[in-house]
């Protein structure tokens, strides 16, 4: 038995091993994809859970109280102008 493996919380048969995966979630209305993120994956049922420390670091990068840099904000239309 390897020391880096944990029992799977879903199937309770497999072992969780540390792998690399894409962490995908929404930040407000913006889809965030963090490739090559450490994640624990079951060798039997393929259940996957992203490492908590990695999620914390991604959260710091995204800064939950600030809108994402790529969020589209349309310019306000000027009133009274006719084309």
N, C-alpha and C. Protein backbone atom coordinates (compact mmCIF):
# COMPACT_ATOMS: atom_id res chain seq x y z
N UNK A 1 0.84 -1.19 0.00
CA UNK A 1 0.00 0.00 0.00
C UNK A 1 0.88 1.25 0.00
N UNK A 2 0.54 2.18 -0.87
CA UNK A 2 1.32 3.42 -0.96
C UNK A 2 0.84 4.41 0.08
N UNK A 3 1.74 5.23 0.55
CA UNK A 3 1.41 6.22 1.57
C UNK A 3 0.67 7.42 1.01
N UNK A 4 0.73 7.65 -0.31
CA UNK A 4 0.08 8.82 -0.89
C UNK A 4 -1.36 8.53 -1.33
N UNK A 5 -1.88 7.33 -1.03
CA UNK A 5 -3.24 6.97 -1.43
C UNK A 5 -4.20 7.08 -0.25
N UNK A 6 -5.45 7.44 -0.56
CA UNK A 6 -6.51 7.54 0.43
C UNK A 6 -7.70 6.72 -0.05
N UNK A 7 -8.56 6.25 0.85
CA UNK A 7 -9.75 5.51 0.46
C UNK A 7 -10.75 6.44 -0.22
N UNK A 8 -11.42 5.95 -1.26
CA UNK A 8 -12.39 6.74 -2.00
C UNK A 8 -13.65 6.94 -1.15
N UNK A 9 -14.12 8.20 -0.98
CA UNK A 9 -15.32 8.45 -0.19
C UNK A 9 -16.61 8.05 -0.91
N UNK A 10 -16.58 7.87 -2.23
CA UNK A 10 -17.79 7.53 -2.98
C UNK A 10 -18.01 6.01 -3.04
N UNK A 11 -17.05 5.28 -3.60
CA UNK A 11 -17.25 3.83 -3.76
C UNK A 11 -16.72 3.03 -2.58
N UNK A 12 -15.83 3.59 -1.80
CA UNK A 12 -15.22 2.95 -0.63
C UNK A 12 -14.45 1.68 -0.97
N UNK A 13 -14.16 1.48 -2.25
CA UNK A 13 -13.39 0.33 -2.69
C UNK A 13 -12.03 0.78 -3.22
N UNK A 14 -12.06 1.81 -4.05
CA UNK A 14 -10.86 2.29 -4.71
C UNK A 14 -10.00 3.17 -3.82
N UNK A 15 -8.86 3.55 -4.36
CA UNK A 15 -7.92 4.42 -3.68
C UNK A 15 -7.78 5.72 -4.47
N UNK A 16 -7.67 6.83 -3.76
CA UNK A 16 -7.46 8.12 -4.40
C UNK A 16 -5.97 8.34 -4.59
N UNK A 17 -5.59 8.64 -5.81
CA UNK A 17 -4.20 8.95 -6.13
C UNK A 17 -4.12 10.37 -6.66
N UNK A 18 -3.02 11.03 -6.37
CA UNK A 18 -2.84 12.40 -6.82
C UNK A 18 -2.51 12.42 -8.30
N UNK A 19 -3.34 13.10 -9.10
CA UNK A 19 -3.18 13.22 -10.55
C UNK A 19 -3.23 14.70 -10.92
N UNK A 20 -3.20 15.00 -12.21
CA UNK A 20 -3.38 16.36 -12.73
C UNK A 20 -4.66 16.39 -13.54
N UNK A 21 -5.46 17.44 -13.37
CA UNK A 21 -6.73 17.54 -14.08
C UNK A 21 -7.06 19.01 -14.33
N UNK A 22 -8.11 19.25 -15.11
CA UNK A 22 -8.62 20.60 -15.34
C UNK A 22 -9.63 20.92 -14.25
N UNK A 23 -9.42 21.99 -13.53
CA UNK A 23 -10.40 22.47 -12.54
C UNK A 23 -11.28 23.48 -13.26
N UNK A 24 -12.57 23.19 -13.35
CA UNK A 24 -13.51 24.04 -14.08
C UNK A 24 -14.65 24.43 -13.15
N UNK A 25 -14.89 25.74 -13.01
CA UNK A 25 -16.00 26.22 -12.20
C UNK A 25 -16.35 27.63 -12.64
N UNK A 26 -17.49 28.12 -12.17
CA UNK A 26 -17.94 29.47 -12.52
C UNK A 26 -17.52 30.45 -11.44
N UNK A 27 -17.07 31.62 -11.88
CA UNK A 27 -16.80 32.76 -11.01
C UNK A 27 -17.78 33.83 -11.45
N UNK A 28 -18.89 33.93 -10.73
CA UNK A 28 -19.96 34.82 -11.19
C UNK A 28 -20.54 34.23 -12.45
N UNK A 29 -20.46 34.98 -13.55
CA UNK A 29 -20.95 34.50 -14.84
C UNK A 29 -19.81 34.09 -15.77
N UNK A 30 -18.59 34.05 -15.25
CA UNK A 30 -17.42 33.72 -16.06
C UNK A 30 -16.95 32.31 -15.74
N UNK A 31 -16.72 31.51 -16.77
CA UNK A 31 -16.22 30.16 -16.61
C UNK A 31 -14.71 30.21 -16.41
N UNK A 32 -14.24 29.60 -15.34
CA UNK A 32 -12.81 29.55 -15.03
C UNK A 32 -12.32 28.14 -15.29
N UNK A 33 -11.22 28.00 -16.02
CA UNK A 33 -10.59 26.70 -16.26
C UNK A 33 -9.13 26.83 -15.89
N UNK A 34 -8.72 26.02 -14.90
CA UNK A 34 -7.32 26.01 -14.46
C UNK A 34 -6.73 24.66 -14.86
N UNK A 35 -5.99 24.61 -15.95
CA UNK A 35 -5.44 23.33 -16.41
C UNK A 35 -4.30 22.84 -15.52
N UNK A 36 -4.09 21.54 -15.54
CA UNK A 36 -2.96 20.91 -14.86
C UNK A 36 -2.99 21.16 -13.35
N UNK A 37 -4.18 21.09 -12.75
CA UNK A 37 -4.36 21.32 -11.33
C UNK A 37 -4.30 19.99 -10.57
N UNK A 38 -3.63 19.94 -9.42
CA UNK A 38 -3.59 18.70 -8.64
C UNK A 38 -4.99 18.28 -8.21
N UNK A 39 -5.32 17.00 -8.42
CA UNK A 39 -6.63 16.47 -8.05
C UNK A 39 -6.46 15.02 -7.59
N UNK A 40 -7.32 14.61 -6.66
CA UNK A 40 -7.32 13.23 -6.17
C UNK A 40 -8.34 12.45 -6.99
N UNK A 41 -7.92 11.32 -7.61
CA UNK A 41 -8.81 10.55 -8.47
C UNK A 41 -8.82 9.08 -8.03
N UNK A 42 -10.04 8.52 -7.98
CA UNK A 42 -10.22 7.11 -7.59
C UNK A 42 -9.81 6.21 -8.75
N UNK A 43 -9.10 5.14 -8.45
CA UNK A 43 -8.67 4.20 -9.49
C UNK A 43 -9.77 3.21 -9.90
N UNK A 44 -10.91 3.21 -9.19
CA UNK A 44 -12.01 2.30 -9.52
C UNK A 44 -13.17 3.05 -10.18
N UNK A 45 -13.77 4.01 -9.46
CA UNK A 45 -14.97 4.70 -9.98
C UNK A 45 -14.65 6.02 -10.68
N UNK A 46 -13.41 6.44 -10.70
CA UNK A 46 -12.93 7.67 -11.34
C UNK A 46 -13.48 8.95 -10.69
N UNK A 47 -13.99 8.84 -9.47
CA UNK A 47 -14.39 10.03 -8.71
C UNK A 47 -13.17 10.94 -8.60
N UNK A 48 -13.40 12.24 -8.74
CA UNK A 48 -12.28 13.19 -8.70
C UNK A 48 -12.63 14.37 -7.81
N UNK A 49 -11.66 14.77 -7.04
CA UNK A 49 -11.84 15.95 -6.20
C UNK A 49 -10.55 16.76 -6.25
N UNK A 50 -10.70 18.05 -6.55
CA UNK A 50 -9.55 18.94 -6.70
C UNK A 50 -8.95 19.21 -5.33
N UNK A 51 -7.64 19.26 -5.27
CA UNK A 51 -6.91 19.50 -4.03
C UNK A 51 -7.33 20.84 -3.43
N UNK A 52 -7.62 20.86 -2.14
CA UNK A 52 -8.12 22.07 -1.47
C UNK A 52 -7.11 23.22 -1.51
N UNK A 53 -5.86 22.92 -1.34
CA UNK A 53 -4.84 23.97 -1.38
C UNK A 53 -4.77 24.61 -2.78
N UNK A 54 -4.92 23.78 -3.82
CA UNK A 54 -4.92 24.30 -5.19
C UNK A 54 -6.12 25.21 -5.41
N UNK A 55 -7.29 24.82 -4.90
CA UNK A 55 -8.48 25.67 -5.03
C UNK A 55 -8.31 26.99 -4.29
N UNK A 56 -7.67 26.95 -3.14
CA UNK A 56 -7.43 28.17 -2.38
C UNK A 56 -6.54 29.12 -3.17
N UNK A 57 -5.51 28.57 -3.79
CA UNK A 57 -4.60 29.41 -4.58
C UNK A 57 -5.28 29.98 -5.82
N UNK A 58 -6.12 29.19 -6.47
CA UNK A 58 -6.88 29.69 -7.62
C UNK A 58 -7.80 30.82 -7.18
N UNK A 59 -8.44 30.65 -6.02
CA UNK A 59 -9.32 31.69 -5.49
C UNK A 59 -8.58 32.98 -5.22
N UNK A 60 -7.34 32.89 -4.77
CA UNK A 60 -6.54 34.10 -4.54
C UNK A 60 -6.23 34.80 -5.87
N UNK A 61 -5.98 34.01 -6.89
CA UNK A 61 -5.69 34.60 -8.21
C UNK A 61 -6.91 35.28 -8.80
N UNK A 62 -8.06 34.68 -8.60
CA UNK A 62 -9.29 35.22 -9.18
C UNK A 62 -9.82 36.39 -8.37
N UNK A 63 -9.54 36.42 -7.08
CA UNK A 63 -10.02 37.47 -6.16
C UNK A 63 -11.53 37.61 -6.27
N UNK A 64 -12.22 36.84 -5.47
CA UNK A 64 -13.69 36.74 -5.55
C UNK A 64 -14.43 38.07 -5.44
N UNK A 65 -13.84 39.10 -4.82
CA UNK A 65 -14.56 40.36 -4.68
C UNK A 65 -14.33 41.32 -5.85
N UNK A 66 -13.50 40.93 -6.81
CA UNK A 66 -13.20 41.76 -7.98
C UNK A 66 -13.72 41.03 -9.22
N UNK A 67 -14.42 41.72 -10.12
CA UNK A 67 -14.88 41.04 -11.33
C UNK A 67 -13.70 40.54 -12.16
N UNK A 68 -13.86 39.43 -12.88
CA UNK A 68 -12.77 38.91 -13.71
C UNK A 68 -12.36 39.93 -14.76
N UNK A 69 -11.10 39.89 -15.14
CA UNK A 69 -10.56 40.88 -16.08
C UNK A 69 -11.19 40.78 -17.45
N UNK A 70 -11.75 39.65 -17.82
CA UNK A 70 -12.31 39.49 -19.16
C UNK A 70 -13.83 39.66 -19.20
N UNK A 71 -14.40 40.17 -18.13
CA UNK A 71 -15.86 40.34 -18.11
C UNK A 71 -16.25 41.50 -19.01
N UNK A 72 -17.20 41.27 -19.92
CA UNK A 72 -17.63 42.27 -20.89
C UNK A 72 -18.57 43.26 -20.23
N UNK A 73 -18.30 44.54 -20.42
CA UNK A 73 -19.18 45.60 -19.94
C UNK A 73 -19.49 46.52 -21.11
N UNK A 74 -20.71 46.47 -21.63
CA UNK A 74 -21.04 47.32 -22.78
C UNK A 74 -21.04 48.79 -22.39
N UNK A 75 -20.68 49.63 -23.36
CA UNK A 75 -20.68 51.09 -23.14
C UNK A 75 -22.13 51.55 -23.04
N UNK A 76 -22.36 52.59 -22.26
CA UNK A 76 -23.71 53.12 -22.13
C UNK A 76 -24.09 53.88 -23.40
N UNK A 77 -25.32 53.69 -23.80
CA UNK A 77 -25.83 54.40 -24.98
C UNK A 77 -26.10 55.85 -24.61
N UNK A 78 -25.73 56.75 -25.49
CA UNK A 78 -25.97 58.17 -25.24
C UNK A 78 -27.38 58.51 -25.68
N UNK A 79 -28.10 59.20 -24.83
CA UNK A 79 -29.49 59.58 -25.14
C UNK A 79 -29.54 60.89 -25.91
N UNK A 80 -30.56 61.00 -26.70
CA UNK A 80 -30.79 62.26 -27.41
C UNK A 80 -30.11 62.34 -28.77
N UNK A 81 -29.31 61.35 -29.12
CA UNK A 81 -28.65 61.37 -30.42
C UNK A 81 -29.49 60.54 -31.39
N UNK A 82 -29.64 61.04 -32.58
CA UNK A 82 -30.37 60.29 -33.61
C UNK A 82 -29.41 60.02 -34.76
N UNK A 83 -29.60 58.87 -35.38
CA UNK A 83 -28.68 58.48 -36.45
C UNK A 83 -29.13 58.73 -37.79
